[in-house]
Amino acid sequence: MRKNQSIIKKVIEEMGGTVEKIIPERNYFYIKINGERIFINKKFVINNSLFSRRQLTNFKDLTYLLLKENNIPTPDTICFYKKTLNKDTLKDALSKLSYPIVIKDASGSNSKGVFTNIQNFHEASELILKEIQKFSCLIAQKMIFGKEYRVLILDNKAIGVLEMIPPKIIGNGVNTTKELIEIKQRDIKEKTPFDNKLLQILEEQGENLESIPRENKEVFIKKNSCLAEGGETKDVTDIINKDLEALCVRVSKIVDKKLVGLDIICDDISKNPSEQNFNIIEANRRPDMYIHYNPTYGKTRNVVKDIVNFILNLKKLEQ
């Protein structure tokens, strides 16, 4: 890349432009010329839509940078790269965030490489130094609390919106918390570990593994949605706020995707984003389709049909 970058830089400067590095560890930079700004990663990639921006959602570190640059609400984020990680400056870097935080692989998907509810510097630094051996880049991010939603954007509209409900148990006044968790996850492959994080979550709700939740009391066993451990979904497509939907469409343009799944945390999907706590958490370039079929609550959204019809219409326009 260095040979490519040096010749690109030389030619662009001869043409009166400039080259601006944005993430040196990944060789991401912008070419600024003739009033335009062109995103480059390693080499020029030109296809039928001019530039392939697959990287914009491949790597969360770049996604967060672009969202911040465009004044999109997103959590405070620090990036750590295997190439340049310095354990001596780790404390100063992490001091820019308030705890609890989440740490995750910058190129991970399907909740892999995600570590939530990190409570202090000791826990965070120990985790980063260990996990950076597996991943080229780790992201440390302030944890945002609120209702979690997945908004599936296709072109200029939301075709499916789900509230993602963290795994929970319902008290019956008879069984202990531990028994209720085991009953709920009896047929689930991925079990929630009975560790200190679970104990802390239960304590915040006035429960422990041996307590007996009163009848009909909801007790959450994770702070984030996790379908694999018994999380639930609720279709809320009909009530998404139009200004919030427009903001999501804008994000899809920023990351240059006709189809994108946006993970959002806010107070209420039916309210204007400017009137509530609102954050875009992630932009997923290969969003799951199945979650919009047979949600726990609400009706199915036939998003595959919408996507296929969209592709067929594009093909007609090309003919």
Protein backbone atom coordinates (compact mmCIF):
# COMPACT_ATOMS: atom_id res chain seq x y z
CA MET A 1 0.00 0.00 0.00
CA ARG A 2 2.82 2.40 0.78
CA LYS A 3 3.94 2.44 -2.87
CA ASN A 4 0.37 3.03 -4.03
CA GLN A 5 -0.21 5.71 -1.43
CA SER A 6 2.98 7.61 -2.21
CA ILE A 7 2.29 7.78 -5.94
CA ILE A 8 -1.38 8.68 -5.37
CA LYS A 9 -0.33 11.45 -2.99
CA LYS A 10 2.29 12.76 -5.46
CA VAL A 11 -0.12 12.88 -8.39
CA ILE A 12 -2.99 14.40 -6.40
CA GLU A 13 -0.73 17.18 -5.12
CA GLU A 14 0.44 17.83 -8.69
CA MET A 15 -3.23 18.17 -9.62
CA GLY A 16 -3.73 20.76 -6.87
CA GLY A 17 -5.41 18.46 -4.37
CA THR A 18 -4.53 17.12 -0.94
CA VAL A 19 -4.55 13.73 0.78
CA GLU A 20 -5.96 13.47 4.30
CA LYS A 21 -5.33 10.34 6.35
CA ILE A 22 -8.23 9.49 8.64
CA ILE A 23 -7.29 6.07 10.06
CA PRO A 24 -3.58 5.46 9.45
CA GLU A 25 -3.68 1.93 10.87
CA ARG A 26 -6.07 0.88 8.11
CA ASN A 27 -4.66 3.14 5.37
CA TYR A 28 -7.97 4.97 5.05
CA PHE A 29 -7.74 8.45 3.60
CA TYR A 30 -9.58 11.11 1.64
CA ILE A 31 -8.51 12.76 -1.55
CA LYS A 32 -9.67 16.39 -1.63
CA ILE A 33 -9.70 17.85 -5.13
CA ASN A 34 -11.86 20.24 -7.17
CA GLY A 35 -14.18 20.76 -4.21
CA GLU A 36 -14.83 17.02 -3.91
CA ARG A 37 -13.76 14.49 -1.30
CA ILE A 38 -13.09 10.92 -2.43
CA PHE A 39 -12.76 8.03 0.03
CA ILE A 40 -9.87 5.63 -0.69
CA ASN A 41 -8.81 2.42 1.01
CA LYS A 42 -5.50 0.95 -0.22
CA LYS A 43 -6.37 1.23 -3.90
CA PHE A 44 -8.91 2.79 -6.23
CA VAL A 45 -11.98 0.59 -6.66
CA ILE A 46 -14.38 1.66 -9.39
CA ASN A 47 -17.52 -0.24 -10.34
CA ASN A 48 -20.87 0.54 -11.93
CA SER A 49 -21.83 2.84 -9.06
CA LEU A 50 -18.46 4.69 -9.27
CA PHE A 51 -17.00 3.72 -5.89
CA SER A 52 -17.34 0.54 -3.89
CA ARG A 53 -17.69 1.52 -0.23
CA ARG A 54 -17.99 -1.94 1.25
CA GLN A 55 -15.49 -0.88 3.92
CA LEU A 56 -17.85 1.72 5.36
CA THR A 57 -19.86 -0.93 7.18
CA ASN A 58 -17.20 -3.67 7.20
CA PHE A 59 -15.32 -1.87 9.94
CA LYS A 60 -17.10 -0.23 12.86
CA ASP A 61 -14.22 2.16 13.55
CA LEU A 62 -14.71 3.80 10.16
CA THR A 63 -18.49 3.80 10.54
CA TYR A 64 -18.30 5.67 13.86
CA LEU A 65 -15.87 8.19 12.40
CA LEU A 66 -18.22 8.94 9.50
CA LEU A 67 -21.28 9.19 11.76
CA LYS A 68 -19.50 11.65 14.08
CA GLU A 69 -18.25 13.61 11.10
CA ASN A 70 -21.83 13.98 9.89
CA ASN A 71 -23.20 14.93 13.34
CA ILE A 72 -25.18 11.70 13.75
CA PRO A 73 -25.75 10.87 17.45
CA THR A 74 -23.55 7.90 18.30
CA PRO A 75 -21.82 6.82 21.54
CA ASP A 76 -18.38 8.14 22.53
CA THR A 77 -15.88 5.70 21.03
CA ILE A 78 -12.15 4.94 21.33
CA CYS A 79 -10.38 2.60 18.87
CA PHE A 80 -7.40 0.39 19.66
CA TYR A 81 -5.31 -1.21 16.91
CA LYS A 82 -3.04 -4.21 17.30
CA LYS A 83 -0.35 -2.43 15.25
CA THR A 84 -0.18 0.63 17.49
CA LEU A 85 -1.61 -0.39 20.87
CA ASN A 86 0.48 1.07 23.69
CA LYS A 87 -0.33 -0.33 27.13
CA ASP A 88 1.34 2.69 28.75
CA THR A 89 -1.22 5.08 27.23
CA LEU A 90 -4.22 2.79 27.68
CA LYS A 91 -5.37 4.50 30.87
CA ASP A 92 -5.30 7.97 29.32
CA ALA A 93 -7.24 6.73 26.30
CA LEU A 94 -9.92 4.98 28.34
CA SER A 95 -10.26 7.97 30.68
CA LYS A 96 -12.10 9.71 27.83
CA LEU A 97 -15.03 7.32 28.35
CA SER A 98 -17.40 7.02 31.29
CA TYR A 99 -18.18 3.54 32.61
CA PRO A 100 -19.79 1.16 32.05
CA ILE A 101 -18.45 0.55 28.56
CA VAL A 102 -18.74 -2.09 25.84
CA ILE A 103 -15.72 -3.48 24.01
CA LYS A 104 -16.10 -5.13 20.62
CA ASP A 105 -14.28 -6.35 17.55
CA ALA A 106 -14.36 -3.65 14.87
CA SER A 107 -15.17 -6.16 12.13
CA GLY A 108 -17.36 -8.54 14.14
CA SER A 109 -20.96 -9.47 13.44
CA ASN A 110 -23.80 -11.47 14.99
CA SER A 111 -22.74 -10.33 18.49
CA LYS A 112 -19.40 -12.15 18.19
CA GLY A 113 -16.45 -10.49 19.89
CA VAL A 114 -18.71 -8.25 22.00
CA PHE A 115 -18.06 -7.72 25.73
CA THR A 116 -20.66 -5.66 27.55
CA ASN A 117 -21.04 -3.90 30.89
CA ILE A 118 -17.32 -3.38 31.57
CA GLN A 119 -17.28 -1.53 34.88
CA ASN A 120 -13.76 -0.11 35.39
CA PHE A 121 -10.31 0.52 33.92
CA HIS A 122 -8.77 -2.65 35.36
CA GLU A 123 -11.43 -4.84 33.76
CA ALA A 124 -11.26 -2.92 30.46
CA SER A 125 -7.45 -2.90 30.12
CA GLU A 126 -7.17 -6.60 31.01
CA LEU A 127 -9.76 -7.47 28.37
CA ILE A 128 -8.25 -5.25 25.66
CA LEU A 129 -4.71 -6.58 26.15
CA LYS A 130 -6.00 -10.14 25.98
CA GLU A 131 -8.46 -9.81 23.07
CA ILE A 132 -6.26 -7.57 20.87
CA GLN A 133 -4.25 -10.74 20.16
CA LYS A 134 -7.29 -12.11 18.30
CA PHE A 135 -8.55 -8.97 16.59
CA SER A 136 -6.78 -6.29 14.53
CA CYS A 137 -8.93 -3.53 16.05
CA LEU A 138 -11.02 -3.28 19.18
CA ILE A 139 -13.55 -0.55 19.93
CA ALA A 140 -14.26 0.71 23.44
CA GLN A 141 -17.56 2.54 23.64
CA LYS A 142 -19.70 4.15 26.29
CA MET A 143 -22.67 1.91 27.01
CA ILE A 144 -25.95 3.54 26.11
CA PHE A 145 -29.10 2.45 27.90
CA GLY A 146 -32.65 2.57 26.64
CA LYS A 147 -34.87 0.55 24.34
CA GLU A 148 -33.01 -1.22 21.57
CA TYR A 149 -34.35 -1.27 18.01
CA ARG A 150 -33.36 -2.70 14.64
CA VAL A 151 -34.42 -0.52 11.70
CA LEU A 152 -34.12 -2.13 8.28
CA ILE A 153 -33.70 0.56 5.62
CA LEU A 154 -34.23 -0.18 1.94
CA ASP A 155 -33.44 2.77 -0.32
CA ASN A 156 -35.55 5.61 1.13
CA LYS A 157 -37.77 3.91 3.68
CA ALA A 158 -37.90 1.61 6.69
CA ILE A 159 -39.36 -1.73 5.60
CA GLY A 160 -39.10 -3.40 9.00
CA VAL A 161 -38.64 -2.05 12.53
CA LEU A 162 -38.25 -4.27 15.59
CA GLU A 163 -37.92 -3.54 19.25
CA MET A 164 -35.23 -5.93 20.51
CA ILE A 165 -36.13 -7.02 24.03
CA PRO A 166 -33.34 -8.42 26.25
CA PRO A 167 -33.77 -11.94 27.66
CA LYS A 168 -36.03 -11.92 30.71
CA ILE A 169 -37.90 -14.21 33.02
CA ILE A 170 -41.37 -13.78 34.51
CA GLY A 171 -41.79 -14.45 38.22
CA ASN A 172 -44.43 -16.94 39.36
CA GLY A 173 -44.03 -16.62 43.12
CA VAL A 174 -42.85 -20.23 43.33
CA ASN A 175 -39.58 -20.81 41.46
CA THR A 176 -36.24 -19.17 42.23
CA THR A 177 -34.57 -16.86 39.71
CA LYS A 178 -32.04 -19.57 38.87
CA GLU A 179 -34.79 -22.12 38.27
CA LEU A 180 -36.74 -19.71 36.06
CA ILE A 181 -33.64 -19.03 33.95
CA GLU A 182 -32.99 -22.75 33.55
CA ILE A 183 -36.64 -23.35 32.59
CA LYS A 184 -36.59 -20.51 30.04
CA GLN A 185 -33.38 -21.72 28.44
CA ARG A 186 -34.11 -25.44 28.62
CA ASP A 187 -34.40 -25.71 24.84
CA ILE A 188 -31.96 -22.91 24.01
CA LYS A 189 -28.47 -23.89 22.93
CA GLU A 190 -26.72 -20.79 24.29
CA LYS A 191 -27.17 -20.44 28.05
CA THR A 192 -26.69 -17.27 30.08
CA PRO A 193 -23.69 -17.87 32.37
CA PHE A 194 -24.29 -17.59 36.11
CA ASP A 195 -21.41 -15.15 36.55
CA ASN A 196 -20.77 -11.87 38.35
CA LYS A 197 -22.34 -9.84 35.54
CA LEU A 198 -25.59 -11.73 35.88
CA LEU A 199 -25.50 -11.36 39.66
CA GLN A 200 -25.01 -7.59 39.27
CA ILE A 201 -27.92 -7.28 36.82
CA LEU A 202 -30.16 -9.24 39.18
CA GLU A 203 -29.07 -7.19 42.20
CA GLU A 204 -30.02 -3.96 40.42
CA GLN A 205 -33.55 -5.40 40.15
CA GLY A 206 -33.68 -6.52 43.77
CA GLU A 207 -33.14 -10.19 43.00
CA ASN A 208 -30.47 -12.90 43.23
CA LEU A 209 -30.20 -16.48 42.02
CA GLU A 210 -31.96 -17.87 45.08
CA SER A 211 -34.68 -15.24 45.43
CA ILE A 212 -38.25 -15.96 44.31
CA PRO A 213 -39.57 -13.15 42.07
CA ARG A 214 -43.16 -12.23 42.77
CA GLU A 215 -45.83 -13.34 40.31
CA ASN A 216 -45.70 -11.54 36.92
CA LYS A 217 -42.55 -9.57 37.82
CA GLU A 218 -40.26 -9.13 34.80
CA VAL A 219 -36.60 -9.78 35.62
CA PHE A 220 -34.05 -9.11 32.88
CA ILE A 221 -31.01 -11.38 32.73
CA LYS A 222 -29.01 -9.31 30.23
CA LYS A 223 -28.81 -5.58 29.55
CA ASN A 224 -28.63 -5.97 25.79
CA SER A 225 -30.76 -7.88 23.34
CA CYS A 226 -29.54 -11.39 22.68
CA LEU A 227 -31.86 -13.62 20.68
CA ALA A 228 -29.55 -16.59 21.18
CA GLU A 229 -30.16 -16.48 24.96
CA GLY A 230 -33.91 -15.98 24.76
CA GLY A 231 -34.30 -12.34 23.73
CA GLU A 232 -37.62 -11.33 22.19
CA THR A 233 -38.77 -9.12 19.33
CA LYS A 234 -41.72 -6.79 18.81
CA ASP A 235 -42.71 -5.35 15.44
CA VAL A 236 -43.09 -1.56 15.64
CA THR A 237 -42.85 -0.70 11.94
CA ASP A 238 -46.18 1.13 11.94
CA ILE A 239 -45.21 3.59 14.68
CA ILE A 240 -41.70 4.71 13.67
CA ASN A 241 -41.44 8.51 13.81
CA LYS A 242 -41.08 10.02 10.32
CA ASP A 243 -38.22 12.32 11.33
CA LEU A 244 -36.46 9.36 12.95
CA GLU A 245 -36.99 7.32 9.79
CA ALA A 246 -35.59 10.17 7.68
CA LEU A 247 -32.49 10.28 9.90
CA CYS A 248 -32.01 6.55 9.41
CA VAL A 249 -32.28 6.99 5.64
CA ARG A 250 -29.64 9.72 5.89
CA VAL A 251 -27.33 7.31 7.72
CA SER A 252 -27.81 4.75 4.94
CA LYS A 253 -26.61 7.39 2.45
CA ILE A 254 -23.59 8.21 4.64
CA VAL A 255 -22.50 4.57 4.67
CA ASP A 256 -23.49 4.27 1.00
CA LYS A 257 -25.87 1.31 1.33
CA LYS A 258 -29.24 0.76 -0.36
CA LEU A 259 -29.94 -1.92 2.24
CA VAL A 260 -28.72 -1.56 5.81
CA GLY A 261 -29.80 -2.67 9.26
CA LEU A 262 -29.34 0.06 11.87
CA ASP A 263 -29.08 -0.74 15.56
CA ILE A 264 -30.58 2.12 17.56
CA ILE A 265 -31.00 2.81 21.25
CA CYS A 266 -33.54 5.45 22.20
CA ASP A 267 -36.43 6.11 24.55
CA ASP A 268 -39.24 5.60 22.07
CA ILE A 269 -39.14 4.83 18.33
CA SER A 270 -42.38 6.80 17.86
CA LYS A 271 -40.79 10.08 19.01
CA ASN A 272 -38.67 12.65 17.18
CA PRO A 273 -34.96 11.81 17.73
CA SER A 274 -34.22 15.40 18.75
CA GLU A 275 -36.69 15.14 21.65
CA GLN A 276 -35.16 12.10 23.37
CA ASN A 277 -32.00 10.19 24.14
CA PHE A 278 -31.11 8.75 20.75
CA ASN A 279 -28.02 6.97 19.40
CA ILE A 280 -27.11 4.99 16.30
CA ILE A 281 -25.12 2.04 17.63
CA GLU A 282 -24.21 0.13 14.46
CA ALA A 283 -24.81 -0.04 10.71
CA ASN A 284 -25.00 -3.62 9.44
CA ARG A 285 -24.30 -4.17 5.75
CA ARG A 286 -25.67 -7.75 5.82
CA PRO A 287 -28.67 -7.45 8.13
CA ASP A 288 -30.61 -10.51 9.25
CA MET A 289 -33.88 -11.02 7.41
CA TYR A 290 -35.36 -13.81 9.51
CA ILE A 291 -35.91 -11.64 12.59
CA HIS A 292 -38.68 -9.75 10.78
CA TYR A 293 -40.65 -12.97 10.33
CA ASN A 294 -42.81 -14.26 13.18
CA PRO A 295 -41.68 -11.78 15.86
CA THR A 296 -42.56 -12.56 19.47
CA TYR A 297 -45.11 -9.74 19.40
CA GLY A 298 -46.74 -8.12 16.38
CA LYS A 299 -46.96 -9.08 12.74
CA THR A 300 -44.51 -10.42 10.19
CA ARG A 301 -42.95 -8.02 7.71
CA ASN A 302 -42.21 -9.71 4.38
CA VAL A 303 -38.93 -7.85 3.91
CA VAL A 304 -37.48 -10.42 1.48
CA LYS A 305 -40.36 -9.74 -0.92
CA ASP A 306 -39.72 -5.98 -0.64
CA ILE A 307 -36.01 -6.47 -1.34
CA VAL A 308 -36.54 -8.79 -4.32
CA ASN A 309 -39.10 -6.40 -5.86
CA PHE A 310 -36.64 -3.54 -5.40
CA ILE A 311 -33.90 -5.49 -7.21
CA LEU A 312 -36.28 -6.43 -10.04
CA ASN A 313 -37.25 -2.76 -10.47
CA LEU A 314 -33.58 -1.77 -10.65
CA LYS A 315 -33.01 -4.36 -13.35
CA LYS A 316 -35.93 -3.01 -15.35
CA LEU A 317 -34.42 0.49 -15.19
CA GLU A 318 -31.09 -0.84 -16.46
CA GLN A 319 -32.70 -2.44 -19.53
